[in-house]
Amino acid sequence: MTTRFTPGERFEEQLAIDQSESRGIWTHLGWNRVELEPGRSVFEWTPTTDHAFPTIEGGWIVHGGMVTALLDSAMGAATWSLLNNDEVFLTADLRTEFYRPTPLALVRGTGLVVHKTRKITFCQAELHDANGALLASCRGTNVTLEMREPTARE
C-alpha cells in the first residue's frame, strides 16, 4: 500500500527548478530528475569511466559511493518535497546494499518517503538498470530542522 503525502511548500520550489541551469552535484555528476511527486522522486543517470574503476577483465564498475550518492539524493528530493519553507533536513543515517555491479549505462534511482513525523523522515531508494534489474537499495533517516532565517538561493 502506497502512503499519500501532502506536499510541503518546498514541493513547488522543486518543480520550478530549471535543471538545465542547476549547479552543484547534479551538474557535476550528470544526474537528471525525471519524476517528482510528494514523497517520491526519480533520478536517471548514465555514469562514465569518471565515476567508475576498471576491472581485471577490462570492464568498468561504478564506484559504490557514487551509487550511494545518487540514492541519497533521490531520498533527499522525496524528503524535501514534504518540507515547508522554514524547514531543512540533514541525513542522520544511511545504509546501502549492493546486489549487482552498476554498469556504465543508464540507471534509474527511485527515492520514497516511507514514514514521516514532524522531526524524522524514514526513506528508501532503489537503483535499477534499463532492463529493470535491481542493482542496489538504500535506507535513510532524515532529521528535520527549523531554520531561524530563510536561506538565499541564487
Foldseek 3Di string as FASTA:
>chain_A
DDDDADFAQCLVVVVPDDVVPDDDPCVVQVKDWDDDDAFKTKIKHQGDQVQWDADPVGFTFGDPVVVQVVQVVRQLRNVSRRYYQQKDKDWDDKDKDFDATDHRAMKMKMKGFPDDDPFKTKIKMFIAGPVGDTGMMMITMMTMDGHPDGDDDD
